[in-house]
Amino acid sequence: MSPRNLLLLSNSTVHGSGYLEWAAQHIEEFLTSHNVKRVLFVPYALRKMDNYAETAHKKFTSWGFELDSVHKAEDPVAAVNKAEAIFIGGGNTFQLLASLYDNKLVEPIRKRVLQDGIPYIGSSAGTNVATVSINTTNDMPIIYPPSFSALALVPFNINPHYIDADPSSKHKGETREERINQYHEVPDTPPVLGLREGSLLHVTEQAALLKGLHPARLFRPGKLPEEFPLGTDFSFLLN
């Protein structure tokens, strides 16, 4: 069984609060429980990486952790190989995954997380790339990665920022549910967990617990979508 330790956030910011504030307690407890002192940040999902890294640095140092950004490393692979923990932030998922491939980090990150067991935190795009593929991201394909296959730290997909249909809306475009159902019309596609904003999945060797503020919606091929409350253990998706 994999020694994975993952904290997969739907988003970084919820309405009315600052960057990562809603998840602060979860992140601090997660890193402290694994004796992490220094975090390696991956800012590839945004083009202005210096600014992005500074935002993350201010937040993590305010919690008592040091933070380095992989985009400043002379050797990104070496930086990953010596990292105590990895945090991949949000932005554009296509750009993020393309940069992970360009910097030859897909396999090193997978090895560090699934074999060495170092903690991994993902938010939004960083959560997308932690799954089987980025096929269920909400982002525009502003760049074309070599593959849609992602880190596969879990054997299913996640749809961050999941939004429920508004029955009073006059908008006639597809709902998020309809788009995920269209994805499942493709043969051999994995389950998709819709994570609403302010929610996260804490994945360990034995469990995948839903935490945060809202229930989650699970989509499986050939089945009706199901609602699951906070505290649900989705370990059945890890098999």
Protein backbone atom coordinates (compact mmCIF):
# COMPACT_ATOMS: atom_id res chain seq x y z
CA MET A 1 0.00 0.00 0.00
CA SER A 2 1.27 3.47 -0.89
CA PRO A 3 2.63 5.66 1.96
CA ARG A 4 0.96 8.73 0.44
CA ASN A 5 0.19 11.78 2.54
CA LEU A 6 -1.85 14.28 0.56
CA LEU A 7 -3.86 17.40 1.31
CA LEU A 8 -5.91 18.25 -1.79
CA LEU A 9 -7.66 21.63 -1.61
CA SER A 10 -10.44 22.69 -3.95
CA ASN A 11 -9.17 26.29 -3.89
CA SER A 12 -6.78 28.71 -2.22
CA THR A 13 -9.17 31.53 -1.35
CA VAL A 14 -12.81 31.62 -0.31
CA HIS A 15 -14.98 34.72 -0.39
CA GLY A 16 -14.25 37.08 2.47
CA SER A 17 -10.85 35.67 3.44
CA GLY A 18 -7.23 35.86 2.30
CA TYR A 19 -4.87 33.46 0.61
CA LEU A 20 -5.13 29.97 2.16
CA GLU A 21 -6.76 31.36 5.31
CA TRP A 22 -9.70 28.98 5.23
CA ALA A 23 -7.33 25.99 5.18
CA ALA A 24 -4.66 27.36 7.53
CA GLN A 25 -5.37 25.00 10.42
CA HIS A 26 -5.50 21.97 8.14
CA ILE A 27 -2.20 22.88 6.45
CA GLU A 28 -0.37 23.68 9.69
CA GLU A 29 -1.50 20.46 11.36
CA PHE A 30 -0.68 18.44 8.25
CA LEU A 31 2.89 19.73 7.96
CA THR A 32 3.57 19.72 11.70
CA SER A 33 2.36 16.13 12.05
CA HIS A 34 5.04 15.11 9.54
CA ASN A 35 7.77 17.22 11.16
CA VAL A 36 8.13 19.41 8.10
CA LYS A 37 10.21 22.55 8.53
CA ARG A 38 10.70 23.55 4.89
CA VAL A 39 8.28 23.37 1.93
CA LEU A 40 9.11 23.32 -1.77
CA PHE A 41 6.62 25.46 -3.69
CA VAL A 42 5.78 24.87 -7.36
CA PRO A 43 4.43 28.11 -8.91
CA TYR A 44 4.26 26.90 -12.52
CA ALA A 45 0.49 27.46 -12.84
CA LEU A 46 1.01 31.23 -13.10
CA ARG A 47 3.38 33.17 -15.36
CA LYS A 48 4.38 35.74 -12.74
CA MET A 49 6.18 33.17 -10.66
CA ASP A 50 8.26 35.58 -8.58
CA ASN A 51 5.12 37.33 -7.34
CA TYR A 52 3.36 34.05 -6.76
CA ALA A 53 6.26 32.60 -4.80
CA GLU A 54 6.41 35.72 -2.64
CA THR A 55 2.71 35.40 -1.78
CA ALA A 56 3.19 31.77 -0.75
CA HIS A 57 6.39 32.58 1.13
CA LYS A 58 4.70 35.25 3.26
CA LYS A 59 1.88 32.90 4.19
CA PHE A 60 4.00 29.87 5.06
CA THR A 61 6.60 31.83 7.02
CA SER A 62 3.78 33.41 9.03
CA TRP A 63 2.92 29.86 10.08
CA GLY A 64 6.52 29.11 11.04
CA PHE A 65 7.61 27.16 7.94
CA GLU A 66 10.37 27.99 5.47
CA LEU A 67 9.45 27.96 1.80
CA ASP A 68 11.60 27.68 -1.33
CA SER A 69 10.29 27.99 -4.88
CA VAL A 70 11.34 25.38 -7.42
CA HIS A 71 11.46 27.95 -10.23
CA LYS A 72 14.52 29.51 -8.59
CA ALA A 73 16.39 26.21 -8.27
CA GLU A 74 19.35 25.57 -10.59
CA ASP A 75 18.26 21.93 -10.76
CA PRO A 76 14.49 21.46 -10.24
CA VAL A 77 14.80 17.67 -10.09
CA ALA A 78 17.44 17.90 -7.36
CA ALA A 79 15.21 20.34 -5.46
CA VAL A 80 12.33 17.85 -5.58
CA ASN A 81 14.59 14.99 -4.55
CA LYS A 82 15.66 16.75 -1.36
CA ALA A 83 12.30 18.37 -0.52
CA GLU A 84 10.66 17.71 2.85
CA ALA A 85 7.22 18.53 1.43
CA ILE A 86 5.79 19.81 -1.84
CA PHE A 87 3.07 22.43 -2.37
CA ILE A 88 1.70 23.00 -5.87
CA GLY A 89 -0.49 26.08 -6.13
CA GLY A 90 -3.41 27.00 -8.33
CA GLY A 91 -3.65 28.83 -11.62
CA ASN A 92 -3.91 27.35 -15.10
CA THR A 93 -3.76 23.56 -15.02
CA PHE A 94 -2.58 23.16 -18.63
CA GLN A 95 0.33 25.54 -18.07
CA LEU A 96 1.17 23.81 -14.80
CA LEU A 97 1.28 20.31 -16.25
CA ALA A 98 3.24 21.46 -19.32
CA SER A 99 5.87 23.00 -17.03
CA LEU A 100 6.05 19.86 -14.91
CA TYR A 101 6.79 17.87 -18.06
CA ASP A 102 9.20 20.50 -19.42
CA ASN A 103 11.19 20.42 -16.19
CA LYS A 104 11.06 16.61 -16.04
CA LEU A 105 9.35 16.67 -12.65
CA VAL A 106 6.38 14.33 -13.17
CA GLU A 107 8.19 11.12 -12.29
CA PRO A 108 10.39 12.61 -9.52
CA ILE A 109 7.36 14.10 -7.74
CA ARG A 110 5.43 10.86 -8.11
CA LYS A 111 8.33 8.89 -6.65
CA ARG A 112 8.88 11.26 -3.72
CA VAL A 113 5.19 11.19 -2.80
CA LEU A 114 4.20 7.59 -3.50
CA GLN A 115 7.44 5.82 -2.60
CA ASP A 116 9.18 8.13 -0.14
CA GLY A 117 5.95 9.34 1.47
CA ILE A 118 6.76 13.06 1.64
CA PRO A 119 3.70 15.28 2.24
CA TYR A 120 2.04 16.81 -0.81
CA ILE A 121 -0.31 19.79 -0.77
CA GLY A 122 -2.24 20.77 -3.87
CA SER A 123 -4.65 23.63 -4.40
CA SER A 124 -6.98 23.94 -7.40
CA ALA A 125 -4.63 23.27 -10.36
CA GLY A 126 -2.24 21.63 -7.90
CA THR A 127 -5.06 19.28 -6.95
CA ASN A 128 -5.93 18.62 -10.59
CA VAL A 129 -2.40 17.44 -11.39
CA ALA A 130 -2.40 15.16 -8.34
CA THR A 131 -5.07 13.00 -10.00
CA VAL A 132 -5.13 10.60 -12.94
CA SER A 133 -5.48 13.31 -15.57
CA ILE A 134 -6.33 16.97 -16.08
CA ASN A 135 -9.33 16.10 -18.27
CA THR A 136 -11.76 17.39 -15.64
CA THR A 137 -10.14 20.76 -14.99
CA ASN A 138 -12.23 23.90 -15.52
CA ASP A 139 -9.33 25.80 -17.09
CA MET A 140 -8.82 26.99 -20.65
CA PRO A 141 -6.13 25.11 -22.63
CA ILE A 142 -3.83 28.12 -23.02
CA ILE A 143 -0.87 25.81 -23.63
CA TYR A 144 -0.68 22.21 -24.81
CA PRO A 145 1.13 19.81 -22.45
CA PRO A 146 2.76 16.68 -23.88
CA SER A 147 0.02 14.63 -22.23
CA PHE A 148 -3.14 15.11 -20.20
CA SER A 149 -1.92 12.32 -17.90
CA ALA A 150 -0.95 13.81 -14.55
CA LEU A 151 0.88 12.71 -11.39
CA ALA A 152 -1.66 9.97 -10.54
CA LEU A 153 -1.10 10.29 -6.80
CA VAL A 154 -4.70 9.08 -6.45
CA PRO A 155 -6.50 6.72 -8.89
CA PHE A 156 -9.41 9.06 -9.63
CA ASN A 157 -10.03 12.60 -10.83
CA ILE A 158 -11.14 15.69 -8.93
CA ASN A 159 -13.12 18.67 -10.17
CA PRO A 160 -12.05 21.60 -7.95
CA HIS A 161 -14.33 24.63 -7.57
CA TYR A 162 -17.30 22.36 -8.19
CA ILE A 163 -20.43 24.47 -8.74
CA ASP A 164 -24.00 23.24 -8.42
CA ALA A 165 -26.50 24.14 -11.11
CA ASP A 166 -28.67 27.16 -10.31
CA PRO A 167 -32.28 26.21 -11.21
CA SER A 168 -33.23 29.89 -11.45
CA SER A 169 -30.43 30.76 -13.88
CA LYS A 170 -31.22 31.61 -17.51
CA HIS A 171 -27.77 30.53 -18.62
CA LYS A 172 -28.09 27.76 -21.22
CA GLY A 173 -24.53 26.44 -21.26
CA GLU A 174 -23.66 23.05 -19.80
CA THR A 175 -23.63 22.70 -16.04
CA ARG A 176 -20.58 21.27 -14.32
CA GLU A 177 -22.52 18.05 -13.78
CA GLU A 178 -23.31 17.78 -17.48
CA ARG A 179 -19.67 18.30 -18.43
CA ILE A 180 -18.49 15.58 -16.05
CA ASN A 181 -21.16 13.23 -17.38
CA GLN A 182 -19.87 13.93 -20.90
CA TYR A 183 -16.39 12.99 -19.72
CA HIS A 184 -17.75 9.69 -18.46
CA GLU A 185 -19.14 8.91 -21.91
CA VAL A 186 -15.52 8.23 -22.83
CA PRO A 187 -14.68 4.56 -22.10
CA ASP A 188 -12.49 3.64 -19.12
CA THR A 189 -12.59 7.01 -17.40
CA PRO A 190 -12.12 7.11 -13.60
CA PRO A 191 -14.52 8.48 -10.97
CA VAL A 192 -14.61 12.24 -10.51
CA LEU A 193 -15.01 13.86 -7.09
CA GLY A 194 -16.58 17.31 -7.24
CA LEU A 195 -14.94 19.40 -4.49
CA ARG A 196 -16.83 22.57 -3.68
CA GLU A 197 -14.86 25.68 -2.71
CA GLY A 198 -13.73 25.55 0.89
CA SER A 199 -13.39 21.77 0.91
CA LEU A 200 -10.41 19.43 0.82
CA LEU A 201 -9.52 15.76 0.74
CA HIS A 202 -6.96 14.47 3.26
CA VAL A 203 -5.49 11.27 1.85
CA THR A 204 -3.34 8.84 3.81
CA GLU A 205 -2.41 5.21 3.43
CA GLN A 206 -5.69 4.07 4.96
CA ALA A 207 -8.18 6.89 4.34
CA ALA A 208 -9.34 9.76 2.14
CA LEU A 209 -11.31 12.06 4.43
CA LEU A 210 -13.48 14.94 3.25
CA LYS A 211 -12.83 18.03 5.37
CA GLY A 212 -13.55 21.75 5.24
CA LEU A 213 -16.85 23.51 4.75
CA HIS A 214 -19.05 21.58 2.31
CA PRO A 215 -20.17 18.13 1.20
CA ALA A 216 -18.80 16.65 -2.03
CA ARG A 217 -20.44 15.21 -5.13
CA LEU A 218 -19.17 11.95 -6.58
CA PHE A 219 -19.55 10.97 -10.23
CA ARG A 220 -18.97 7.40 -11.39
CA PRO A 221 -19.50 6.04 -14.92
CA GLY A 222 -22.91 4.47 -15.36
CA LYS A 223 -24.23 5.70 -11.99
CA LEU A 224 -26.21 8.69 -10.80
CA PRO A 225 -24.16 11.37 -8.98
CA GLU A 226 -24.11 10.98 -5.19
CA GLU A 227 -23.76 13.53 -2.38
CA PHE A 228 -21.42 12.72 0.52
CA PRO A 229 -21.24 14.71 3.78
CA LEU A 230 -18.21 16.15 5.52
CA GLY A 231 -16.23 13.45 7.27
CA THR A 232 -16.84 10.86 4.55
CA ASP A 233 -13.99 8.44 4.02
CA PHE A 234 -13.49 8.02 0.28
CA SER A 235 -10.91 5.27 0.73
CA PHE A 236 -13.09 3.07 -1.49
CA LEU A 237 -11.83 5.23 -4.38
CA LEU A 238 -8.24 4.32 -3.60
CA ASN A 239 -8.68 0.66 -4.52
